[in-house]
PDB file of all heavy atoms in Angstrom:
ATOM      1  N   GLN A   1      97.318  93.880 104.009  1.00  0.00           N
ATOM      2  CA  GLN A   1      97.139  92.382 103.886  1.00  0.00           C
ATOM      3  C   GLN A   1      96.238  92.152 102.678  1.00  0.00           C
ATOM      4  O   GLN A   1      95.288  92.822 102.423  1.00  0.00           O
ATOM      5  CB  GLN A   1      96.443  91.865 105.120  1.00  0.00           C
ATOM      6  CG  GLN A   1      97.296  91.964 106.380  1.00  0.00           C
ATOM      7  CD  GLN A   1      98.637  91.272 106.180  1.00  0.00           C
ATOM      8  OE1 GLN A   1      98.729  90.121 106.139  1.00  0.00           O
ATOM      9  NE2 GLN A   1      99.693  92.034 106.155  1.00  0.00           N
ATOM     10  N   ARG A   2      96.653  91.132 101.909  1.00  0.00           N
ATOM     11  CA  ARG A   2      95.917  90.758 100.701  1.00  0.00           C
ATOM     12  C   ARG A   2      94.444  90.421 100.871  1.00  0.00           C
ATOM     13  O   ARG A   2      93.598  90.754  99.899  1.00  0.00           O
ATOM     14  CB  ARG A   2      96.633  89.676  99.896  1.00  0.00           C
ATOM     15  CG  ARG A   2      96.174  89.432  98.552  1.00  0.00           C
ATOM     16  CD  ARG A   2      97.120  88.379  97.791  1.00  0.00           C
ATOM     17  NE  ARG A   2      98.290  89.155  97.249  1.00  0.00           N
ATOM     18  CZ  ARG A   2      99.565  88.952  97.783  1.00  0.00           C
ATOM     19  NH1 ARG A   2      99.680  88.089  98.769  1.00  0.00           N
ATOM     20  NH2 ARG A   2     100.670  89.565  97.231  1.00  0.00           N
ATOM     21  N   ASN A   3      94.114  89.678 101.945  1.00  0.00           N
ATOM     22  CA  ASN A   3      92.781  89.298 102.132  1.00  0.00           C
ATOM     23  C   ASN A   3      91.859  90.415 102.596  1.00  0.00           C
ATOM     24  O   ASN A   3      90.624  90.225 102.750  1.00  0.00           O
ATOM     25  CB  ASN A   3      92.672  87.992 102.997  1.00  0.00           C
ATOM     26  CG  ASN A   3      93.277  88.388 104.347  1.00  0.00           C
ATOM     27  OD1 ASN A   3      93.935  89.363 104.603  1.00  0.00           O
ATOM     28  ND2 ASN A   3      93.090  87.529 105.345  1.00  0.00           N
ATOM     29  N   ILE A   4      92.494  91.561 103.120  1.00  0.00           N
ATOM     30  CA  ILE A   4      91.725  92.726 103.577  1.00  0.00           C
ATOM     31  C   ILE A   4      91.582  93.778 102.555  1.00  0.00           C
ATOM     32  O   ILE A   4      90.535  94.283 102.337  1.00  0.00           O
ATOM     33  CB  ILE A   4      92.251  93.147 104.952  1.00  0.00           C
ATOM     34  CG1 ILE A   4      92.181  91.984 105.951  1.00  0.00           C
ATOM     35  CG2 ILE A   4      91.535  94.407 105.424  1.00  0.00           C
ATOM     36  CD1 ILE A   4      92.807  92.374 107.254  1.00  0.00           C
ATOM     37  N   SER A   5      92.715  94.190 102.047  1.00  0.00           N
ATOM     38  CA  SER A   5      92.757  95.307 101.146  1.00  0.00           C
ATOM     39  C   SER A   5      93.709  95.042  99.944  1.00  0.00           C
ATOM     40  O   SER A   5      94.865  95.423  99.990  1.00  0.00           O
ATOM     41  CB  SER A   5      93.174  96.554 101.860  1.00  0.00           C
ATOM     42  OG  SER A   5      93.161  97.641 101.050  1.00  0.00           O
ATOM     43  N   PRO A   6      93.274  94.334  98.953  1.00  0.00           N
ATOM     44  CA  PRO A   6      94.206  93.991  97.828  1.00  0.00           C
ATOM     45  C   PRO A   6      94.615  95.291  97.064  1.00  0.00           C
ATOM     46  O   PRO A   6      95.649  95.233  96.449  1.00  0.00           O
ATOM     47  CB  PRO A   6      93.336  93.062  96.968  1.00  0.00           C
ATOM     48  CG  PRO A   6      91.889  93.269  97.319  1.00  0.00           C
ATOM     49  CD  PRO A   6      92.010  93.653  98.789  1.00  0.00           C
ATOM     50  N   GLU A   7      93.772  96.314  97.088  1.00  0.00           N
ATOM     51  CA  GLU A   7      94.131  97.564  96.333  1.00  0.00           C
ATOM     52  C   GLU A   7      95.395  98.127  96.973  1.00  0.00           C
ATOM     53  O   GLU A   7      96.363  98.677  96.246  1.00  0.00           O
ATOM     54  CB  GLU A   7      92.982  98.526  96.405  1.00  0.00           C
ATOM     55  CG  GLU A   7      91.776  98.109  95.657  1.00  0.00           C
ATOM     56  CD  GLU A   7      90.847  97.214  96.602  1.00  0.00           C
ATOM     57  OE1 GLU A   7      91.173  97.055  97.763  1.00  0.00           O
ATOM     58  OE2 GLU A   7      89.809  96.711  96.079  1.00  0.00           O
ATOM     59  N   LYS A   8      95.458  98.178  98.371  1.00  0.00           N
ATOM     60  CA  LYS A   8      96.601  98.743  98.949  1.00  0.00           C
ATOM     61  C   LYS A   8      97.882  97.921  98.827  1.00  0.00           C
ATOM     62  O   LYS A   8      98.906  98.407  98.697  1.00  0.00           O
ATOM     63  CB  LYS A   8      96.345  98.919 100.512  1.00  0.00           C
ATOM     64  CG  LYS A   8      95.195  99.953 100.821  1.00  0.00           C
ATOM     65  CD  LYS A   8      95.073 100.163 102.323  1.00  0.00           C
ATOM     66  CE  LYS A   8      94.060 101.278 102.608  1.00  0.00           C
ATOM     67  NZ  LYS A   8      93.871 101.424 104.080  1.00  0.00           N
ATOM     68  N   VAL A   9      97.676  96.579  98.602  1.00  0.00           N
ATOM     69  CA  VAL A   9      98.737  95.754  98.310  1.00  0.00           C
ATOM     70  C   VAL A   9      99.357  96.041  96.951  1.00  0.00           C
ATOM     71  O   VAL A   9     100.506  96.215  96.779  1.00  0.00           O
ATOM     72  CB  VAL A   9      98.349  94.233  98.397  1.00  0.00           C
ATOM     73  CG1 VAL A   9      99.525  93.379  97.900  1.00  0.00           C
ATOM     74  CG2 VAL A   9      97.941  93.890  99.854  1.00  0.00           C
ATOM     75  N   ARG A  10      98.394  96.309  95.985  1.00  0.00           N
ATOM     76  CA  ARG A  10      98.876  96.710  94.680  1.00  0.00           C
ATOM     77  C   ARG A  10      99.631  98.012  94.663  1.00  0.00           C
ATOM     78  O   ARG A  10     100.656  98.253  93.968  1.00  0.00           O
ATOM     79  CB  ARG A  10      97.729  96.756  93.704  1.00  0.00           C
ATOM     80  CG  ARG A  10      97.206  95.348  93.297  1.00  0.00           C
ATOM     81  CD  ARG A  10      96.309  95.454  92.028  1.00  0.00           C
ATOM     82  NE  ARG A  10      94.976  96.071  92.422  1.00  0.00           N
ATOM     83  CZ  ARG A  10      93.976  95.436  92.946  1.00  0.00           C
ATOM     84  NH1 ARG A  10      93.888  94.178  92.952  1.00  0.00           N
ATOM     85  NH2 ARG A  10      92.802  96.065  93.223  1.00  0.00           N
ATOM     86  N   GLU A  11      99.134  98.974  95.535  1.00  0.00           N
ATOM     87  CA  GLU A  11      99.756 100.254  95.664  1.00  0.00           C
ATOM     88  C   GLU A  11     101.118 100.142  96.292  1.00  0.00           C
ATOM     89  O   GLU A  11     102.229 100.773  95.908  1.00  0.00           O
ATOM     90  CB  GLU A  11      98.889 101.171  96.453  1.00  0.00           C
ATOM     91  CG  GLU A  11      97.642 101.675  95.829  1.00  0.00           C
ATOM     92  CD  GLU A  11      96.747 102.550  96.803  1.00  0.00           C
ATOM     93  OE1 GLU A  11      97.287 102.864  97.905  1.00  0.00           O
ATOM     94  OE2 GLU A  11      95.596 102.895  96.291  1.00  0.00           O
ATOM     95  N   TYR A  12     101.286  99.217  97.247  1.00  0.00           N
ATOM     96  CA  TYR A  12     102.586  98.982  97.884  1.00  0.00           C
ATOM     97  C   TYR A  12     103.571  98.363  96.825  1.00  0.00           C
ATOM     98  O   TYR A  12     104.716  98.707  96.895  1.00  0.00           O
ATOM     99  CB  TYR A  12     102.454  97.986  99.029  1.00  0.00           C
ATOM    100  CG  TYR A  12     103.541  98.020  99.988  1.00  0.00           C
ATOM    101  CD1 TYR A  12     103.654  98.852 101.089  1.00  0.00           C
ATOM    102  CD2 TYR A  12     104.699  97.104  99.793  1.00  0.00           C
ATOM    103  CE1 TYR A  12     104.725  98.815 101.941  1.00  0.00           C
ATOM    104  CE2 TYR A  12     105.820  97.096 100.598  1.00  0.00           C
ATOM    105  CZ  TYR A  12     105.788  97.935 101.689  1.00  0.00           C
ATOM    106  OH  TYR A  12     106.897  97.958 102.545  1.00  0.00           O
ATOM    107  N   PHE A  13     103.199  97.509  96.013  1.00  0.00           N
ATOM    108  CA  PHE A  13     103.989  96.892  94.949  1.00  0.00           C
ATOM    109  C   PHE A  13     104.451  98.059  94.045  1.00  0.00           C
ATOM    110  O   PHE A  13     105.644  97.942  93.521  1.00  0.00           O
ATOM    111  CB  PHE A  13     103.247  95.882  94.150  1.00  0.00           C
ATOM    112  CG  PHE A  13     103.458  94.479  94.783  1.00  0.00           C
ATOM    113  CD1 PHE A  13     102.679  93.968  95.829  1.00  0.00           C
ATOM    114  CD2 PHE A  13     104.517  93.615  94.214  1.00  0.00           C
ATOM    115  CE1 PHE A  13     102.905  92.772  96.344  1.00  0.00           C
ATOM    116  CE2 PHE A  13     104.707  92.345  94.848  1.00  0.00           C
ATOM    117  CZ  PHE A  13     103.928  91.912  95.832  1.00  0.00           C
ATOM    118  N   ALA A  14     103.546  98.980  93.681  1.00  0.00           N
ATOM    119  CA  ALA A  14     103.940 100.042  92.735  1.00  0.00           C
ATOM    120  C   ALA A  14     104.860 101.042  93.392  1.00  0.00           C
ATOM    121  O   ALA A  14     105.812 101.580  92.781  1.00  0.00           O
ATOM    122  CB  ALA A  14     102.681 100.836  92.342  1.00  0.00           C
ATOM    123  N   ASP A  15     104.688 101.261  94.694  1.00  0.00           N
ATOM    124  CA  ASP A  15     105.603 102.236  95.401  1.00  0.00           C
ATOM    125  C   ASP A  15     106.944 101.656  95.830  1.00  0.00           C
ATOM    126  O   ASP A  15     107.865 102.366  95.929  1.00  0.00           O
ATOM    127  CB  ASP A  15     104.878 102.806  96.674  1.00  0.00           C
ATOM    128  CG  ASP A  15     103.596 103.552  96.336  1.00  0.00           C
ATOM    129  OD1 ASP A  15     103.461 104.072  95.231  1.00  0.00           O
ATOM    130  OD2 ASP A  15     102.768 103.624  97.248  1.00  0.00           O
ATOM    131  N   HIS A  16     106.981 100.326  96.056  1.00  0.00           N
ATOM    132  CA  HIS A  16     108.182  99.622  96.374  1.00  0.00           C
ATOM    133  C   HIS A  16     108.496  98.379  95.490  1.00  0.00           C
ATOM    134  O   HIS A  16     108.217  97.250  95.945  1.00  0.00           O
ATOM    135  CB  HIS A  16     108.169  99.212  97.842  1.00  0.00           C
ATOM    136  CG  HIS A  16     107.782 100.299  98.871  1.00  0.00           C
ATOM    137  ND1 HIS A  16     106.407 100.700  99.066  1.00  0.00           N
ATOM    138  CD2 HIS A  16     108.550 101.186  99.600  1.00  0.00           C
ATOM    139  CE1 HIS A  16     106.386 101.679 100.013  1.00  0.00           C
ATOM    140  NE2 HIS A  16     107.695 101.973 100.305  1.00  0.00           N
ATOM    141  N   PRO A  17     108.884  98.602  94.292  1.00  0.00           N
ATOM    142  CA  PRO A  17     108.979  97.525  93.343  1.00  0.00           C
ATOM    143  C   PRO A  17     110.076  96.541  93.762  1.00  0.00           C
ATOM    144  O   PRO A  17     110.062  95.393  93.321  1.00  0.00           O
ATOM    145  CB  PRO A  17     109.262  98.232  91.970  1.00  0.00           C
ATOM    146  CG  PRO A  17     109.871  99.603  92.397  1.00  0.00           C
ATOM    147  CD  PRO A  17     109.185  99.991  93.669  1.00  0.00           C
ATOM    148  N   ASP A  18     111.069  96.969  94.466  1.00  0.00           N
ATOM    149  CA  ASP A  18     112.185  96.018  94.944  1.00  0.00           C
ATOM    150  C   ASP A  18     111.871  95.273  96.273  1.00  0.00           C
ATOM    151  O   ASP A  18     112.209  94.088  96.296  1.00  0.00           O
ATOM    152  CB  ASP A  18     113.506  96.869  94.949  1.00  0.00           C
ATOM    153  CG  ASP A  18     113.907  97.488  93.773  1.00  0.00           C
ATOM    154  OD1 ASP A  18     113.622  96.899  92.561  1.00  0.00           O
ATOM    155  OD2 ASP A  18     114.527  98.601  93.731  1.00  0.00           O
ATOM    156  N   LEU A  19     111.315  95.967  97.223  1.00  0.00           N
ATOM    157  CA  LEU A  19     111.085  95.457  98.514  1.00  0.00           C
ATOM    158  C   LEU A  19     109.815  94.510  98.549  1.00  0.00           C
ATOM    159  O   LEU A  19     109.821  93.479  99.182  1.00  0.00           O
ATOM    160  CB  LEU A  19     110.963  96.500  99.494  1.00  0.00           C
ATOM    161  CG  LEU A  19     110.685  96.059 100.956  1.00  0.00           C
ATOM    162  CD1 LEU A  19     111.734  95.218 101.553  1.00  0.00           C
ATOM    163  CD2 LEU A  19     110.493  97.303 101.861  1.00  0.00           C
ATOM    164  N   ALA A  20     108.796  94.916  97.748  1.00  0.00           N
ATOM    165  CA  ALA A  20     107.483  94.212  97.803  1.00  0.00           C
ATOM    166  C   ALA A  20     107.657  92.721  97.500  1.00  0.00           C
ATOM    167  O   ALA A  20     107.043  91.822  98.109  1.00  0.00           O
ATOM    168  CB  ALA A  20     106.448  94.898  97.047  1.00  0.00           C
ATOM    169  N   PRO A  21     108.239  92.408  96.305  1.00  0.00           N
ATOM    170  CA  PRO A  21     108.470  90.932  96.040  1.00  0.00           C
ATOM    171  C   PRO A  21     109.073  90.144  96.998  1.00  0.00           C
ATOM    172  O   PRO A  21     108.714  88.930  97.263  1.00  0.00           O
ATOM    173  CB  PRO A  21     109.223  90.971  94.646  1.00  0.00           C
ATOM    174  CG  PRO A  21     108.934  92.301  94.143  1.00  0.00           C
ATOM    175  CD  PRO A  21     108.888  93.198  95.197  1.00  0.00           C
ATOM    176  N   ARG A  22     110.081  90.683  97.768  1.00  0.00           N
ATOM    177  CA  ARG A  22     110.767  89.949  98.764  1.00  0.00           C
ATOM    178  C   ARG A  22     109.894  89.632  99.994  1.00  0.00           C
ATOM    179  O   ARG A  22     109.894  88.638 100.634  1.00  0.00           O
ATOM    180  CB  ARG A  22     112.086  90.753  99.178  1.00  0.00           C
ATOM    181  CG  ARG A  22     113.055  90.880  98.024  1.00  0.00           C
ATOM    182  CD  ARG A  22     114.353  91.619  98.515  1.00  0.00           C
ATOM    183  NE  ARG A  22     115.249  91.704  97.346  1.00  0.00           N
ATOM    184  CZ  ARG A  22     116.403  92.399  97.483  1.00  0.00           C
ATOM    185  NH1 ARG A  22     116.821  92.921  98.647  1.00  0.00           N
ATOM    186  NH2 ARG A  22     117.241  92.450  96.491  1.00  0.00           N
ATOM    187  N   LEU A  23     109.120  90.784 100.304  1.00  0.00           N
ATOM    188  CA  LEU A  23     108.181  90.575 101.445  1.00  0.00           C
ATOM    189  C   LEU A  23     107.106  89.619 101.135  1.00  0.00           C
ATOM    190  O   LEU A  23     106.690  88.829 102.013  1.00  0.00           O
ATOM    191  CB  LEU A  23     107.624  91.972 101.817  1.00  0.00           C
ATOM    192  CG  LEU A  23     108.425  92.969 102.334  1.00  0.00           C
ATOM    193  CD1 LEU A  23     107.698  94.266 102.632  1.00  0.00           C
ATOM    194  CD2 LEU A  23     109.077  92.565 103.710  1.00  0.00           C
ATOM    195  N   ASP A  24     106.714  89.524  99.806  1.00  0.00           N
ATOM    196  CA  ASP A  24     105.744  88.626  99.495  1.00  0.00           C
ATOM    197  C   ASP A  24     106.122  87.247  99.494  1.00  0.00           C
ATOM    198  O   ASP A  24     105.394  86.317  99.751  1.00  0.00           O
ATOM    199  CB  ASP A  24     105.203  88.946  97.977  1.00  0.00           C
ATOM    200  CG  ASP A  24     103.918  88.295  97.642  1.00  0.00           C
ATOM    201  OD1 ASP A  24     103.213  88.000  98.647  1.00  0.00           O
ATOM    202  OD2 ASP A  24     103.663  88.093  96.470  1.00  0.00           O
ATOM    203  N   GLN A  25     107.500  86.961  99.231  1.00  0.00           N
ATOM    204  CA  GLN A  25     108.023  85.539  99.371  1.00  0.00           C
ATOM    205  C   GLN A  25     107.995  85.078 100.663  1.00  0.00           C
ATOM    206  O   GLN A  25     107.845  83.863 100.831  1.00  0.00           O
ATOM    207  CB  GLN A  25     109.412  85.556  98.804  1.00  0.00           C
ATOM    208  CG  GLN A  25     109.642  85.819  97.331  1.00  0.00           C
ATOM    209  CD  GLN A  25     111.044  85.838  96.866  1.00  0.00           C
ATOM    210  OE1 GLN A  25     111.973  85.891  97.676  1.00  0.00           O
ATOM    211  NE2 GLN A  25     111.257  85.974  95.554  1.00  0.00           N
ATOM    212  N   ILE A  26     108.011  85.874 101.727  1.00  0.00           N
ATOM    213  CA  ILE A  26     108.028  85.417 103.059  1.00  0.00           C
ATOM    214  C   ILE A  26     106.711  85.555 103.750  1.00  0.00           C
ATOM    215  O   ILE A  26     106.443  85.412 104.939  1.00  0.00           O
ATOM    216  CB  ILE A  26     109.071  86.099 104.016  1.00  0.00           C
ATOM    217  CG1 ILE A  26     108.871  87.554 104.049  1.00  0.00           C
ATOM    218  CG2 ILE A  26     110.459  85.841 103.501  1.00  0.00           C
ATOM    219  CD1 ILE A  26     109.759  88.403 104.999  1.00  0.00           C
ATOM    220  N   GLY A  27     105.663  85.932 102.939  1.00  0.00           N
ATOM    221  CA  GLY A  27     104.225  86.015 103.488  1.00  0.00           C
ATOM    222  C   GLY A  27     103.987  87.265 104.159  1.00  0.00           C
ATOM    223  O   GLY A  27     103.111  87.309 105.099  1.00  0.00           O
ATOM    224  N   GLY A  28     104.615  88.387 103.814  1.00  0.00           N
ATOM    225  CA  GLY A  28     104.481  89.588 104.452  1.00  0.00           C
ATOM    226  C   GLY A  28     103.130  90.257 104.127  1.00  0.00           C
ATOM    227  O   GLY A  28     102.599  91.036 105.025  1.00  0.00           O
ATOM    228  N   PHE A  29     102.387  89.866 103.115  1.00  0.00           N
ATOM    229  CA  PHE A  29     101.047  90.349 102.744  1.00  0.00           C
ATOM    230  C   PHE A  29      99.982  89.331 103.097  1.00  0.00           C
ATOM    231  O   PHE A  29      98.838  89.612 102.835  1.00  0.00           O
ATOM    232  CB  PHE A  29     101.049  90.790 101.281  1.00  0.00           C
ATOM    233  CG  PHE A  29     102.068  91.811 100.886  1.00  0.00           C
ATOM    234  CD1 PHE A  29     103.188  91.427 100.157  1.00  0.00           C
ATOM    235  CD2 PHE A  29     102.021  93.140 101.384  1.00  0.00           C
ATOM    236  CE1 PHE A  29     104.174  92.390  99.786  1.00  0.00           C
ATOM    237  CE2 PHE A  29     102.998  93.969 101.008  1.00  0.00           C
ATOM    238  CZ  PHE A  29     104.026  93.694 100.263  1.00  0.00           C
ATOM    239  N   ASP A  30     100.411  88.251 103.651  1.00  0.00           N
ATOM    240  CA  ASP A  30      99.426  87.252 104.128  1.00  0.00           C
ATOM    241  C   ASP A  30      99.967  86.650 105.450  1.00  0.00           C
ATOM    242  O   ASP A  30     100.177  85.490 105.662  1.00  0.00           O
ATOM    243  CB  ASP A  30      99.261  86.136 103.133  1.00  0.00           C
ATOM    244  CG  ASP A  30      98.649  86.525 101.871  1.00  0.00           C
ATOM    245  OD1 ASP A  30      97.468  86.820 101.797  1.00  0.00           O
ATOM    246  OD2 ASP A  30      99.481  86.630 100.880  1.00  0.00           O
ATOM    247  N   VAL A  31     100.224  87.592 106.424  1.00  0.00           N
ATOM    248  CA  VAL A  31     100.912  87.313 107.688  1.00  0.00           C
ATOM    249  C   VAL A  31     100.127  86.212 108.420  1.00  0.00           C
ATOM    250  O   VAL A  31     100.711  85.160 108.824  1.00  0.00           O
ATOM    251  CB  VAL A  31     101.077  88.507 108.471  1.00  0.00           C
ATOM    252  CG1 VAL A  31     101.656  88.133 109.890  1.00  0.00           C
ATOM    253  CG2 VAL A  31     102.135  89.467 107.803  1.00  0.00           C
ATOM    254  N   PHE A  32      98.881  86.368 108.597  1.00  0.00           N
ATOM    255  CA  PHE A  32      98.112  85.439 109.573  1.00  0.00           C
ATOM    256  C   PHE A  32      97.724  84.211 108.963  1.00  0.00           C
ATOM    257  O   PHE A  32      97.218  83.236 109.686  1.00  0.00           O
ATOM    258  CB  PHE A  32      96.843  86.239 109.990  1.00  0.00           C
ATOM    259  CG  PHE A  32      97.136  87.491 110.717  1.00  0.00           C
ATOM    260  CD1 PHE A  32      96.900  88.809 110.098  1.00  0.00           C
ATOM    261  CD2 PHE A  32      97.725  87.535 112.002  1.00  0.00           C
ATOM    262  CE1 PHE A  32      97.169  89.971 110.703  1.00  0.00           C
ATOM    263  CE2 PHE A  32      98.011  88.791 112.643  1.00  0.00           C
ATOM    264  CZ  PHE A  32      97.765  89.967 111.902  1.00  0.00           C
ATOM    265  N   SER A  33      97.945  84.003 107.694  1.00  0.00           N
ATOM    266  CA  SER A  33      97.820  82.647 107.116  1.00  0.00           C
ATOM    267  C   SER A  33      99.173  82.094 106.533  1.00  0.00           C
ATOM    268  O   SER A  33      99.148  81.060 105.907  1.00  0.00           O
ATOM    269  CB  SER A  33      96.833  82.783 105.880  1.00  0.00           C
ATOM    270  OG  SER A  33      97.302  83.700 104.938  1.00  0.00           O
ATOM    271  N   SER A  34     100.242  82.769 107.034  1.00  0.00           N
ATOM    272  CA  SER A  34     101.536  82.226 106.608  1.00  0.00           C
ATOM    273  C   SER A  34     101.945  81.030 107.361  1.00  0.00           C
ATOM    274  O   SER A  34     101.493  80.724 108.454  1.00  0.00           O
ATOM    275  CB  SER A  34     102.588  83.395 106.723  1.00  0.00           C
ATOM    276  OG  SER A  34     102.764  83.672 108.095  1.00  0.00           O
ATOM    277  N   VAL A  35     102.879  80.294 106.802  1.00  0.00           N
ATOM    278  CA  VAL A  35     103.379  79.069 107.459  1.00  0.00           C
ATOM    279  C   VAL A  35     104.101  79.382 108.850  1.00  0.00           C
ATOM    280  O   VAL A  35     103.877  78.667 109.809  1.00  0.00           O
ATOM    281  CB  VAL A  35     104.391  78.269 106.585  1.00  0.00           C
ATOM    282  CG1 VAL A  35     104.909  77.120 107.257  1.00  0.00           C
ATOM    283  CG2 VAL A  35     103.616  77.935 105.300  1.00  0.00           C
ATOM    284  N   TRP A  36     104.956  80.431 108.829  1.00  0.00           N
ATOM    285  CA  TRP A  36     105.606  80.713 110.077  1.00  0.00           C
ATOM    286  C   TRP A  36     104.821  81.203 111.172  1.00  0.00           C
ATOM    287  O   TRP A  36     104.989  80.848 112.295  1.00  0.00           O
ATOM    288  CB  TRP A  36     106.888  81.628 109.775  1.00  0.00           C
ATOM    289  CG  TRP A  36     106.399  82.898 109.035  1.00  0.00           C
ATOM    290  CD1 TRP A  36     106.370  83.102 107.712  1.00  0.00           C
ATOM    291  CD2 TRP A  36     105.927  84.202 109.585  1.00  0.00           C
ATOM    292  NE1 TRP A  36     105.953  84.367 107.355  1.00  0.00           N
ATOM    293  CE2 TRP A  36     105.715  84.962 108.512  1.00  0.00           C
ATOM    294  CE3 TRP A  36     105.851  84.600 110.918  1.00  0.00           C
ATOM    295  CZ2 TRP A  36     105.240  86.368 108.677  1.00  0.00           C
ATOM    296  CZ3 TRP A  36     105.387  85.924 111.055  1.00  0.00           C
ATOM    297  CH2 TRP A  36     105.084  86.753 109.961  1.00  0.00           C
ATOM    298  N   PHE A  37     103.804  82.003 110.815  1.00  0.00           N
ATOM    299  CA  PHE A  37     102.844  82.446 111.876  1.00  0.00           C
ATOM    300  C   PHE A  37     102.009  81.312 112.398  1.00  0.00           C
ATOM    301  O   PHE A  37     101.741  81.167 113.601  1.00  0.00           O
ATOM    302  CB  PHE A  37     101.908  83.573 111.313  1.00  0.00           C
ATOM    303  CG  PHE A  37     101.125  84.239 112.401  1.00  0.00           C
ATOM    304  CD1 PHE A  37     101.557  85.307 113.072  1.00  0.00           C
ATOM    305  CD2 PHE A  37      99.870  83.724 112.622  1.00  0.00           C
ATOM    306  CE1 PHE A  37     100.809  85.864 114.017  1.00  0.00           C
ATOM    307  CE2 PHE A  37      98.953  84.336 113.636  1.00  0.00           C
ATOM    308  CZ  PHE A  37      99.508  85.480 114.321  1.00  0.00           C
ATOM    309  N   SER A  38     101.514  80.433 111.534  1.00  0.00           N
ATOM    310  CA  SER A  38     100.815  79.202 111.968  1.00  0.00           C
ATOM    311  C   SER A  38     101.566  78.331 112.875  1.00  0.00           C
ATOM    312  O   SER A  38     101.147  77.708 113.795  1.00  0.00           O
ATOM    313  CB  SER A  38     100.231  78.512 110.714  1.00  0.00           C
ATOM    314  OG  SER A  38      99.355  79.307 110.003  1.00  0.00           O
ATOM    315  N   ALA A  39     102.936  78.263 112.498  1.00  0.00           N
ATOM    316  CA  ALA A  39     103.772  77.366 113.254  1.00  0.00           C
ATOM    317  C   ALA A  39     103.958  77.910 114.702  1.00  0.00           C
ATOM    318  O   ALA A  39     103.869  77.115 115.669  1.00  0.00           O
ATOM    319  CB  ALA A  39     105.177  77.187 112.625  1.00  0.00           C
ATOM    320  N   ILE A  40     104.148  79.178 114.869  1.00  0.00           N
ATOM    321  CA  ILE A  40     104.304  79.804 116.135  1.00  0.00           C
ATOM    322  C   ILE A  40     102.907  79.549 116.982  1.00  0.00           C
ATOM    323  O   ILE A  40     102.917  79.294 118.216  1.00  0.00           O
ATOM    324  CB  ILE A  40     104.658  81.272 116.130  1.00  0.00           C
ATOM    325  CG1 ILE A  40     105.950  81.455 115.473  1.00  0.00           C
ATOM    326  CG2 ILE A  40     104.585  81.829 117.452  1.00  0.00           C
ATOM    327  CD1 ILE A  40     106.338  82.898 115.274  1.00  0.00           C
ATOM    328  N   TYR A  41     101.775  79.769 116.233  1.00  0.00           N
ATOM    329  CA  TYR A  41     100.455  79.600 116.927  1.00  0.00           C
ATOM    330  C   TYR A  41     100.303  78.254 117.350  1.00  0.00           C
ATOM    331  O   TYR A  41      99.901  78.026 118.478  1.00  0.00           O
ATOM    332  CB  TYR A  41      99.463  80.005 115.848  1.00  0.00           C
ATOM    333  CG  TYR A  41      98.062  80.168 116.441  1.00  0.00           C
ATOM    334  CD1 TYR A  41      97.674  81.494 116.738  1.00  0.00           C
ATOM    335  CD2 TYR A  41      97.189  79.192 116.490  1.00  0.00           C
ATOM    336  CE1 TYR A  41      96.384  81.701 117.275  1.00  0.00           C
ATOM    337  CE2 TYR A  41      95.908  79.393 116.988  1.00  0.00           C
ATOM    338  CZ  TYR A  41      95.516  80.660 117.351  1.00  0.00           C
ATOM    339  OH  TYR A  41      94.182  80.874 117.844  1.00  0.00           O
ATOM    340  N   LEU A  42     100.569  77.247 116.551  1.00  0.00           N
ATOM    341  CA  LEU A  42     100.425  75.820 116.900  1.00  0.00           C
ATOM    342  C   LEU A  42     101.333  75.380 118.054  1.00  0.00           C
ATOM    343  O   LEU A  42     100.957  74.654 118.976  1.00  0.00           O
ATOM    344  CB  LEU A  42     100.668  75.019 115.639  1.00  0.00           C
ATOM    345  CG  LEU A  42     100.360  73.487 115.835  1.00  0.00           C
ATOM    346  CD1 LEU A  42      98.931  73.225 116.210  1.00  0.00           C
ATOM    347  CD2 LEU A  42     100.645  72.690 114.549  1.00  0.00           C
ATOM    348  N   LEU A  43     102.654  75.850 117.964  1.00  0.00           N
ATOM    349  CA  LEU A  43     103.544  75.511 119.020  1.00  0.00           C
ATOM    350  C   LEU A  43     103.138  76.107 120.444  1.00  0.00           C
ATOM    351  O   LEU A  43     103.280  75.444 121.415  1.00  0.00           O
ATOM    352  CB  LEU A  43     104.925  75.962 118.623  1.00  0.00           C
ATOM    353  CG  LEU A  43     105.722  75.173 117.602  1.00  0.00           C
ATOM    354  CD1 LEU A  43     107.007  75.806 117.218  1.00  0.00           C
ATOM    355  CD2 LEU A  43     106.012  73.757 118.009  1.00  0.00           C
ATOM    356  N   LEU A  44     102.654  77.305 120.306  1.00  0.00           N
ATOM    357  CA  LEU A  44     102.167  77.877 121.561  1.00  0.00           C
ATOM    358  C   LEU A  44     100.883  77.098 122.136  1.00  0.00           C
ATOM    359  O   LEU A  44     100.847  76.926 123.354  1.00  0.00           O
ATOM    360  CB  LEU A  44     101.744  79.393 121.247  1.00  0.00           C
ATOM    361  CG  LEU A  44     101.101  80.136 122.441  1.00  0.00           C
ATOM    362  CD1 LEU A  44     102.088  80.189 123.663  1.00  0.00           C
ATOM    363  CD2 LEU A  44     100.693  81.482 122.071  1.00  0.00           C
ATOM    364  N   PHE A  45     100.083  76.737 121.258  1.00  0.00           N
ATOM    365  CA  PHE A  45      98.876  75.943 121.680  1.00  0.00           C
ATOM    366  C   PHE A  45      99.313  74.612 122.337  1.00  0.00           C
ATOM    367  O   PHE A  45      98.944  74.254 123.416  1.00  0.00           O
ATOM    368  CB  PHE A  45      98.009  75.697 120.348  1.00  0.00           C
ATOM    369  CG  PHE A  45      96.738  75.049 120.792  1.00  0.00           C
ATOM    370  CD1 PHE A  45      95.634  75.775 121.179  1.00  0.00           C
ATOM    371  CD2 PHE A  45      96.537  73.676 120.539  1.00  0.00           C
ATOM    372  CE1 PHE A  45      94.434  75.214 121.480  1.00  0.00           C
ATOM    373  CE2 PHE A  45      95.289  73.125 120.824  1.00  0.00           C
ATOM    374  CZ  PHE A  45      94.341  73.873 121.271  1.00  0.00           C
ATOM    375  N   ILE A  46     100.304  73.896 121.678  1.00  0.00           N
ATOM    376  CA  ILE A  46     100.769  72.611 122.243  1.00  0.00           C
ATOM    377  C   ILE A  46     101.542  72.909 123.650  1.00  0.00           C
ATOM    378  O   ILE A  46     101.425  72.219 124.529  1.00  0.00           O
ATOM    379  CB  ILE A  46     101.731  71.894 121.222  1.00  0.00           C
ATOM    380  CG1 ILE A  46     100.876  71.585 119.990  1.00  0.00           C
ATOM    381  CG2 ILE A  46     102.365  70.742 121.838  1.00  0.00           C
ATOM    382  CD1 ILE A  46     101.701  70.956 118.855  1.00  0.00           C
TER     383      ILE A  46
END
């Protein structure tokens, strides 16, 4: 996760140059602050 270990995120981008950008587009490296995780959290709360 980018907010916990940005160094490991950079290493992941270097090791997986094709997969990492796609995961980044859907918030794979910022899961807990992503739109889809927040939507599930809010719907569960309601």
